[in-house]
Amino acid sequence: MILSVTLGITNREYVFPLGATHGVLFIIYLALSLYASHKQKWSEITWFLLFLASLVPFAFIAVEAYIRREMNKEVKAI
């Protein structure tokens, strides 16, 4: 966002509303990931991986692979 304002692509008046929206969506994501991890009976480590994936760009790819692998283990065990 800073770069787009500096380059003149985005007007400064959009920074606050977009930032606030981004923050609200991030908090909703964390709450939903905590709810999903509880409902699926995932460990705290799995939820922590979800949390880290929300902070590190493109980390969701590795976490998605990990969760799929864990879910496939559970399905095979049943």
C-alpha atoms as a PDB file:
ATOM      1  CA  MET A   1       0.000   0.000   0.000  1.00  0.00           C
ATOM      2  CA  ILE A   2       2.844   2.388   0.822  1.00  0.00           C
ATOM      3  CA  LEU A   3       4.420   1.810  -2.571  1.00  0.00           C
ATOM      4  CA  SER A   4       1.151   2.365  -4.434  1.00  0.00           C
ATOM      5  CA  VAL A   5       0.599   5.669  -2.584  1.00  0.00           C
ATOM      6  CA  THR A   6       4.199   6.726  -3.232  1.00  0.00           C
ATOM      7  CA  LEU A   7       3.863   5.958  -6.932  1.00  0.00           C
ATOM      8  CA  GLY A   8       0.543   7.771  -7.083  1.00  0.00           C
ATOM      9  CA  ILE A   9      -1.497   4.702  -7.989  1.00  0.00           C
ATOM     10  CA  THR A  10      -3.685   4.888  -4.879  1.00  0.00           C
ATOM     11  CA  ASN A  11      -4.971   7.978  -3.133  1.00  0.00           C
ATOM     12  CA  ARG A  12      -4.002   8.466   0.536  1.00  0.00           C
ATOM     13  CA  GLU A  13      -7.632   8.648   1.599  1.00  0.00           C
ATOM     14  CA  TYR A  14      -8.005   4.910   0.870  1.00  0.00           C
ATOM     15  CA  VAL A  15      -5.166   3.830   3.184  1.00  0.00           C
ATOM     16  CA  PHE A  16      -7.113   3.908   6.451  1.00  0.00           C
ATOM     17  CA  PRO A  17     -10.295   2.138   5.234  1.00  0.00           C
ATOM     18  CA  LEU A  18      -8.307  -0.544   3.425  1.00  0.00           C
ATOM     19  CA  GLY A  19      -6.003  -1.036   6.410  1.00  0.00           C
ATOM     20  CA  ALA A  20      -8.912  -1.276   8.825  1.00  0.00           C
ATOM     21  CA  THR A  21     -10.702  -3.760   6.568  1.00  0.00           C
ATOM     22  CA  HIS A  22      -7.538  -5.829   6.289  1.00  0.00           C
ATOM     23  CA  GLY A  23      -7.165  -5.850  10.076  1.00  0.00           C
ATOM     24  CA  VAL A  24     -10.768  -6.923  10.673  1.00  0.00           C
ATOM     25  CA  LEU A  25     -10.487  -9.706   8.094  1.00  0.00           C
ATOM     26  CA  PHE A  26      -7.233 -10.881   9.708  1.00  0.00           C
ATOM     27  CA  ILE A  27      -8.883 -11.092  13.142  1.00  0.00           C
ATOM     28  CA  ILE A  28     -11.827 -12.988  11.631  1.00  0.00           C
ATOM     29  CA  TYR A  29      -9.386 -15.399   9.963  1.00  0.00           C
ATOM     30  CA  LEU A  30      -7.623 -16.047  13.278  1.00  0.00           C
ATOM     31  CA  ALA A  31     -10.922 -16.626  15.082  1.00  0.00           C
ATOM     32  CA  LEU A  32     -12.163 -19.007  12.369  1.00  0.00           C
ATOM     33  CA  SER A  33      -8.873 -20.895  12.295  1.00  0.00           C
ATOM     34  CA  LEU A  34      -9.042 -21.320  16.071  1.00  0.00           C
ATOM     35  CA  TYR A  35     -12.653 -22.525  15.799  1.00  0.00           C
ATOM     36  CA  ALA A  36     -11.783 -24.967  12.987  1.00  0.00           C
ATOM     37  CA  SER A  37      -8.772 -26.347  14.849  1.00  0.00           C
ATOM     38  CA  HIS A  38     -10.921 -26.927  17.938  1.00  0.00           C
ATOM     39  CA  LYS A  39     -13.727 -28.536  15.945  1.00  0.00           C
ATOM     40  CA  GLN A  40     -11.293 -30.810  14.066  1.00  0.00           C
ATOM     41  CA  LYS A  41      -9.424 -31.593  17.312  1.00  0.00           C
ATOM     42  CA  TRP A  42      -6.124 -30.418  15.872  1.00  0.00           C
ATOM     43  CA  SER A  43      -3.180 -29.884  18.176  1.00  0.00           C
ATOM     44  CA  GLU A  44      -2.018 -26.457  19.242  1.00  0.00           C
ATOM     45  CA  ILE A  45       0.974 -26.926  16.933  1.00  0.00           C
ATOM     46  CA  THR A  46      -1.333 -27.207  13.930  1.00  0.00           C
ATOM     47  CA  TRP A  47      -3.156 -24.030  14.900  1.00  0.00           C
ATOM     48  CA  PHE A  48       0.174 -22.298  15.466  1.00  0.00           C
ATOM     49  CA  LEU A  49       1.185 -23.312  11.930  1.00  0.00           C
ATOM     50  CA  LEU A  50      -2.025 -21.720  10.661  1.00  0.00           C
ATOM     51  CA  PHE A  51      -1.180 -18.582  12.602  1.00  0.00           C
ATOM     52  CA  LEU A  52       2.376 -18.477  11.197  1.00  0.00           C
ATOM     53  CA  ALA A  53       1.020 -19.022   7.706  1.00  0.00           C
ATOM     54  CA  SER A  54      -1.065 -15.903   8.128  1.00  0.00           C
ATOM     55  CA  LEU A  55       2.073 -13.863   8.835  1.00  0.00           C
ATOM     56  CA  VAL A  56       4.589 -15.257   6.341  1.00  0.00           C
ATOM     57  CA  PRO A  57       3.842 -14.688   2.645  1.00  0.00           C
ATOM     58  CA  PHE A  58       3.093 -17.935   0.768  1.00  0.00           C
ATOM     59  CA  ALA A  59       3.537 -20.055   3.912  1.00  0.00           C
ATOM     60  CA  PHE A  60      -0.038 -21.200   3.493  1.00  0.00           C
ATOM     61  CA  ILE A  61       1.154 -23.565   0.749  1.00  0.00           C
ATOM     62  CA  ALA A  62       3.278 -25.625   3.152  1.00  0.00           C
ATOM     63  CA  VAL A  63       0.601 -25.542   5.858  1.00  0.00           C
ATOM     64  CA  GLU A  64      -2.066 -26.635   3.398  1.00  0.00           C
ATOM     65  CA  ALA A  65       0.080 -29.616   2.381  1.00  0.00           C
ATOM     66  CA  TYR A  66       0.655 -30.498   6.045  1.00  0.00           C
ATOM     67  CA  ILE A  67      -3.048 -30.330   6.913  1.00  0.00           C
ATOM     68  CA  ARG A  68      -4.021 -32.389   3.880  1.00  0.00           C
ATOM     69  CA  ARG A  69      -1.444 -35.022   4.840  1.00  0.00           C
ATOM     70  CA  GLU A  70      -2.756 -35.141   8.411  1.00  0.00           C
ATOM     71  CA  MET A  71      -6.373 -35.374   7.256  1.00  0.00           C
ATOM     72  CA  ASN A  72      -5.493 -38.190   4.848  1.00  0.00           C
ATOM     73  CA  LYS A  73      -3.874 -40.092   7.741  1.00  0.00           C
ATOM     74  CA  GLU A  74      -7.079 -39.726   9.747  1.00  0.00           C
ATOM     75  CA  VAL A  75      -9.250 -40.911   6.847  1.00  0.00           C
ATOM     76  CA  LYS A  76      -7.045 -43.987   6.294  1.00  0.00           C
ATOM     77  CA  ALA A  77      -7.143 -44.775  10.012  1.00  0.00           C
ATOM     78  CA  ILE A  78     -10.953 -44.885   9.925  1.00  0.00           C
END
